[in-house]
C-alpha cells in the first residue's frame, strides 16, 4: 500500500493496469482516467513488477495470460507477498476461481468497464457514475 492518504481524490490515486492486448489496455485505462484516477499502463507482468517496486501504486488490475517471465497470477502473488495491503485484482477469460490459491478478486473476460471501475473505487475510494454505454 502506498503512503497516499485514503481521503485524497481519485486523481491522486494510481492504478497500474497490466494487459498485453493494447486495445483492451487502452479501454480500461481510459475508463479509469475518466473516473479520475492516474493510470500507469504495463504490457507485461515483468514490467508491472518493476514499476510497482519502484513507484507507489494504489491498485493493480492485471490480466493473467501475458508474454514474459511471469504471468498475472504470479505477479499478483508476488505483490501480495511484498505489499500485503496493496489491492490487486486479476482478469482472465480462461482462469477460474479454484485456480487461484489466494483470495483476490477475479474478473472474468469479457468484463464491463463500469463494473471494473466500481470494483477499484470500492477498494481505494472514488465515486463512479453508472455508464450504460459499456
C-alpha atoms as a PDB file:
ATOM      1  CA  UNK A   1       0.000   0.000   0.000  1.00  0.00           C
ATOM      2  CA  UNK A   2       1.228   3.474  -0.667  1.00  0.00           C
ATOM      3  CA  UNK A   3       1.570   6.392   1.649  1.00  0.00           C
ATOM      4  CA  UNK A   4      -1.349   8.049  -0.145  1.00  0.00           C
ATOM      5  CA  UNK A   5      -3.970   9.271   2.281  1.00  0.00           C
ATOM      6  CA  UNK A   6      -7.329   7.493   1.863  1.00  0.00           C
ATOM      7  CA  UNK A   7      -9.085  10.878   1.721  1.00  0.00           C
ATOM      8  CA  UNK A   8      -7.245  12.013  -1.412  1.00  0.00           C
ATOM      9  CA  UNK A   9      -9.219  12.451  -4.603  1.00  0.00           C
ATOM     10  CA  UNK A  10      -9.165   9.641  -7.177  1.00  0.00           C
ATOM     11  CA  UNK A  11      -6.824  11.693  -9.405  1.00  0.00           C
ATOM     12  CA  UNK A  12      -4.178  11.307  -6.740  1.00  0.00           C
ATOM     13  CA  UNK A  13      -4.666   7.539  -6.662  1.00  0.00           C
ATOM     14  CA  UNK A  14      -2.638   5.458  -9.088  1.00  0.00           C
ATOM     15  CA  UNK A  15      -3.959   2.326 -10.770  1.00  0.00           C
ATOM     16  CA  UNK A  16      -1.487   0.038 -12.529  1.00  0.00           C
ATOM     17  CA  UNK A  17      -3.195  -1.675 -15.476  1.00  0.00           C
ATOM     18  CA  UNK A  18      -1.366  -4.750 -16.764  1.00  0.00           C
ATOM     19  CA  UNK A  19      -2.615  -6.085 -20.093  1.00  0.00           C
ATOM     20  CA  UNK A  20      -0.741  -7.240 -23.193  1.00  0.00           C
ATOM     21  CA  UNK A  21      -3.601  -6.518 -25.617  1.00  0.00           C
ATOM     22  CA  UNK A  22      -3.199  -2.798 -26.466  1.00  0.00           C
ATOM     23  CA  UNK A  23      -6.870  -2.128 -27.236  1.00  0.00           C
ATOM     24  CA  UNK A  24      -8.115  -3.814 -24.059  1.00  0.00           C
ATOM     25  CA  UNK A  25      -5.459  -1.992 -22.007  1.00  0.00           C
ATOM     26  CA  UNK A  26      -6.415   1.327 -23.578  1.00  0.00           C
ATOM     27  CA  UNK A  27     -10.144   0.797 -22.929  1.00  0.00           C
ATOM     28  CA  UNK A  28      -9.793   0.067 -19.208  1.00  0.00           C
ATOM     29  CA  UNK A  29      -7.111   2.730 -18.741  1.00  0.00           C
ATOM     30  CA  UNK A  30      -9.335   5.298 -20.451  1.00  0.00           C
ATOM     31  CA  UNK A  31     -12.328   4.356 -18.292  1.00  0.00           C
ATOM     32  CA  UNK A  32     -10.198   4.714 -15.161  1.00  0.00           C
ATOM     33  CA  UNK A  33      -8.844   8.073 -16.284  1.00  0.00           C
ATOM     34  CA  UNK A  34     -12.425   9.202 -16.980  1.00  0.00           C
ATOM     35  CA  UNK A  35     -13.227   8.216 -13.378  1.00  0.00           C
ATOM     36  CA  UNK A  36     -10.429  10.493 -12.207  1.00  0.00           C
ATOM     37  CA  UNK A  37      -7.590   8.054 -11.494  1.00  0.00           C
ATOM     38  CA  UNK A  38      -3.977   8.356 -12.522  1.00  0.00           C
ATOM     39  CA  UNK A  39      -3.243   5.294 -14.654  1.00  0.00           C
ATOM     40  CA  UNK A  40       0.053   3.602 -15.403  1.00  0.00           C
ATOM     41  CA  UNK A  41      -0.010   1.002 -18.175  1.00  0.00           C
ATOM     42  CA  UNK A  42       2.186  -2.091 -18.463  1.00  0.00           C
ATOM     43  CA  UNK A  43       2.191  -4.637 -21.291  1.00  0.00           C
ATOM     44  CA  UNK A  44       3.761  -7.447 -19.230  1.00  0.00           C
ATOM     45  CA  UNK A  45       3.753  -8.616 -15.635  1.00  0.00           C
ATOM     46  CA  UNK A  46       7.544  -8.257 -15.572  1.00  0.00           C
ATOM     47  CA  UNK A  47       7.237  -4.569 -16.493  1.00  0.00           C
ATOM     48  CA  UNK A  48       4.480  -4.083 -13.916  1.00  0.00           C
ATOM     49  CA  UNK A  49       6.505  -5.680 -11.126  1.00  0.00           C
ATOM     50  CA  UNK A  50       9.460  -3.394 -11.857  1.00  0.00           C
ATOM     51  CA  UNK A  51       7.157  -0.372 -11.783  1.00  0.00           C
ATOM     52  CA  UNK A  52       5.374  -1.402  -8.570  1.00  0.00           C
ATOM     53  CA  UNK A  53       8.684  -1.930  -6.796  1.00  0.00           C
ATOM     54  CA  UNK A  54       9.978   1.490  -7.883  1.00  0.00           C
ATOM     55  CA  UNK A  55       6.881   3.700  -7.584  1.00  0.00           C
ATOM     56  CA  UNK A  56       3.864   3.768  -5.305  1.00  0.00           C
ATOM     57  CA  UNK A  57       0.604   2.417  -6.708  1.00  0.00           C
ATOM     58  CA  UNK A  58      -2.783   2.142  -5.036  1.00  0.00           C
ATOM     59  CA  UNK A  59      -4.330  -0.711  -7.054  1.00  0.00           C
ATOM     60  CA  UNK A  60      -3.149  -3.283  -9.593  1.00  0.00           C
ATOM     61  CA  UNK A  61      -5.503  -4.684 -12.227  1.00  0.00           C
ATOM     62  CA  UNK A  62      -3.786  -7.436 -14.181  1.00  0.00           C
ATOM     63  CA  UNK A  63      -4.578  -9.866 -16.942  1.00  0.00           C
ATOM     64  CA  UNK A  64      -3.398 -13.431 -16.355  1.00  0.00           C
ATOM     65  CA  UNK A  65      -2.011 -14.626 -19.689  1.00  0.00           C
ATOM     66  CA  UNK A  66       0.786 -12.400 -20.958  1.00  0.00           C
ATOM     67  CA  UNK A  67       4.206 -12.794 -22.502  1.00  0.00           C
ATOM     68  CA  UNK A  68       7.243 -12.604 -20.251  1.00  0.00           C
ATOM     69  CA  UNK A  69       8.846 -14.485 -17.396  1.00  0.00           C
ATOM     70  CA  UNK A  70       5.826 -14.256 -15.071  1.00  0.00           C
ATOM     71  CA  UNK A  71       2.080 -14.215 -15.639  1.00  0.00           C
ATOM     72  CA  UNK A  72      -0.617 -12.201 -13.893  1.00  0.00           C
ATOM     73  CA  UNK A  73      -1.218 -14.786 -11.161  1.00  0.00           C
ATOM     74  CA  UNK A  74       2.486 -14.835 -10.318  1.00  0.00           C
ATOM     75  CA  UNK A  75       2.500 -11.026 -10.375  1.00  0.00           C
ATOM     76  CA  UNK A  76      -0.476 -10.899  -8.008  1.00  0.00           C
ATOM     77  CA  UNK A  77       1.104 -13.440  -5.633  1.00  0.00           C
ATOM     78  CA  UNK A  78       4.404 -11.544  -5.594  1.00  0.00           C
ATOM     79  CA  UNK A  79       2.682  -8.215  -4.965  1.00  0.00           C
ATOM     80  CA  UNK A  80       0.522  -9.690  -2.180  1.00  0.00           C
ATOM     81  CA  UNK A  81       3.679 -11.106  -0.573  1.00  0.00           C
ATOM     82  CA  UNK A  82       5.753  -7.920  -0.932  1.00  0.00           C
ATOM     83  CA  UNK A  83       2.919  -5.398  -0.388  1.00  0.00           C
ATOM     84  CA  UNK A  84       0.227  -7.197   1.648  1.00  0.00           C
ATOM     85  CA  UNK A  85      -2.053  -4.139   1.851  1.00  0.00           C
ATOM     86  CA  UNK A  86      -1.944  -3.394  -1.885  1.00  0.00           C
ATOM     87  CA  UNK A  87      -5.282  -4.227  -3.523  1.00  0.00           C
ATOM     88  CA  UNK A  88      -4.885  -6.459  -6.576  1.00  0.00           C
ATOM     89  CA  UNK A  89      -7.449  -7.954  -8.958  1.00  0.00           C
ATOM     90  CA  UNK A  90      -6.855 -10.343 -11.839  1.00  0.00           C
ATOM     91  CA  UNK A  91      -8.824 -10.715 -15.038  1.00  0.00           C
ATOM     92  CA  UNK A  92      -8.989 -13.640 -17.406  1.00  0.00           C
ATOM     93  CA  UNK A  93     -11.122 -15.315 -19.978  1.00  0.00           C
ATOM     94  CA  UNK A  94      -9.594 -18.669 -19.045  1.00  0.00           C
ATOM     95  CA  UNK A  95      -8.886 -18.750 -15.304  1.00  0.00           C
ATOM     96  CA  UNK A  96     -11.423 -19.921 -12.733  1.00  0.00           C
ATOM     97  CA  UNK A  97     -11.632 -19.175  -9.028  1.00  0.00           C
ATOM     98  CA  UNK A  98     -10.320 -22.628  -7.929  1.00  0.00           C
ATOM     99  CA  UNK A  99      -7.119 -21.977  -9.879  1.00  0.00           C
ATOM    100  CA  UNK A 100      -6.289 -19.026  -7.600  1.00  0.00           C
ATOM    101  CA  UNK A 101      -4.670 -20.176  -4.386  1.00  0.00           C
ATOM    102  CA  UNK A 102      -5.119 -16.829  -2.628  1.00  0.00           C
ATOM    103  CA  UNK A 103      -8.079 -14.567  -2.063  1.00  0.00           C
ATOM    104  CA  UNK A 104      -8.154 -11.735  -4.589  1.00  0.00           C
ATOM    105  CA  UNK A 105     -10.927 -10.609  -6.917  1.00  0.00           C
ATOM    106  CA  UNK A 106     -11.203 -12.437 -10.237  1.00  0.00           C
ATOM    107  CA  UNK A 107     -12.908 -10.510 -13.043  1.00  0.00           C
ATOM    108  CA  UNK A 108     -13.970 -12.712 -15.958  1.00  0.00           C
ATOM    109  CA  UNK A 109     -13.452 -11.505 -19.517  1.00  0.00           C
ATOM    110  CA  UNK A 110     -15.174 -10.007 -21.255  1.00  0.00           C
ATOM    111  CA  UNK A 111     -15.882  -7.565 -18.464  1.00  0.00           C
ATOM    112  CA  UNK A 112     -18.000  -4.464 -18.092  1.00  0.00           C
ATOM    113  CA  UNK A 113     -15.741  -1.405 -17.769  1.00  0.00           C
ATOM    114  CA  UNK A 114     -18.100   0.248 -15.287  1.00  0.00           C
ATOM    115  CA  UNK A 115     -18.012  -2.807 -13.031  1.00  0.00           C
ATOM    116  CA  UNK A 116     -14.201  -2.818 -13.019  1.00  0.00           C
ATOM    117  CA  UNK A 117     -14.068   0.902 -12.218  1.00  0.00           C
ATOM    118  CA  UNK A 118     -16.625   0.330  -9.437  1.00  0.00           C
ATOM    119  CA  UNK A 119     -14.532  -2.537  -8.025  1.00  0.00           C
ATOM    120  CA  UNK A 120     -11.469  -0.309  -7.921  1.00  0.00           C
ATOM    121  CA  UNK A 121     -13.408   2.629  -6.469  1.00  0.00           C
ATOM    122  CA  UNK A 122     -14.746   0.368  -3.716  1.00  0.00           C
ATOM    123  CA  UNK A 123     -11.198  -0.689  -2.851  1.00  0.00           C
ATOM    124  CA  UNK A 124      -9.378   2.651  -2.941  1.00  0.00           C
ATOM    125  CA  UNK A 125     -12.040   5.332  -2.989  1.00  0.00           C
ATOM    126  CA  UNK A 126     -13.621   7.432  -5.653  1.00  0.00           C
ATOM    127  CA  UNK A 127     -17.093   7.872  -6.996  1.00  0.00           C
ATOM    128  CA  UNK A 128     -18.322   6.147 -10.090  1.00  0.00           C
ATOM    129  CA  UNK A 129     -21.302   7.244 -12.095  1.00  0.00           C
ATOM    130  CA  UNK A 130     -23.139   4.444 -13.903  1.00  0.00           C
ATOM    131  CA  UNK A 131     -22.360   4.270 -17.596  1.00  0.00           C
ATOM    132  CA  UNK A 132     -24.946   2.430 -19.662  1.00  0.00           C
ATOM    133  CA  UNK A 133     -22.792   2.513 -22.796  1.00  0.00           C
ATOM    134  CA  UNK A 134     -20.384  -0.192 -21.620  1.00  0.00           C
END
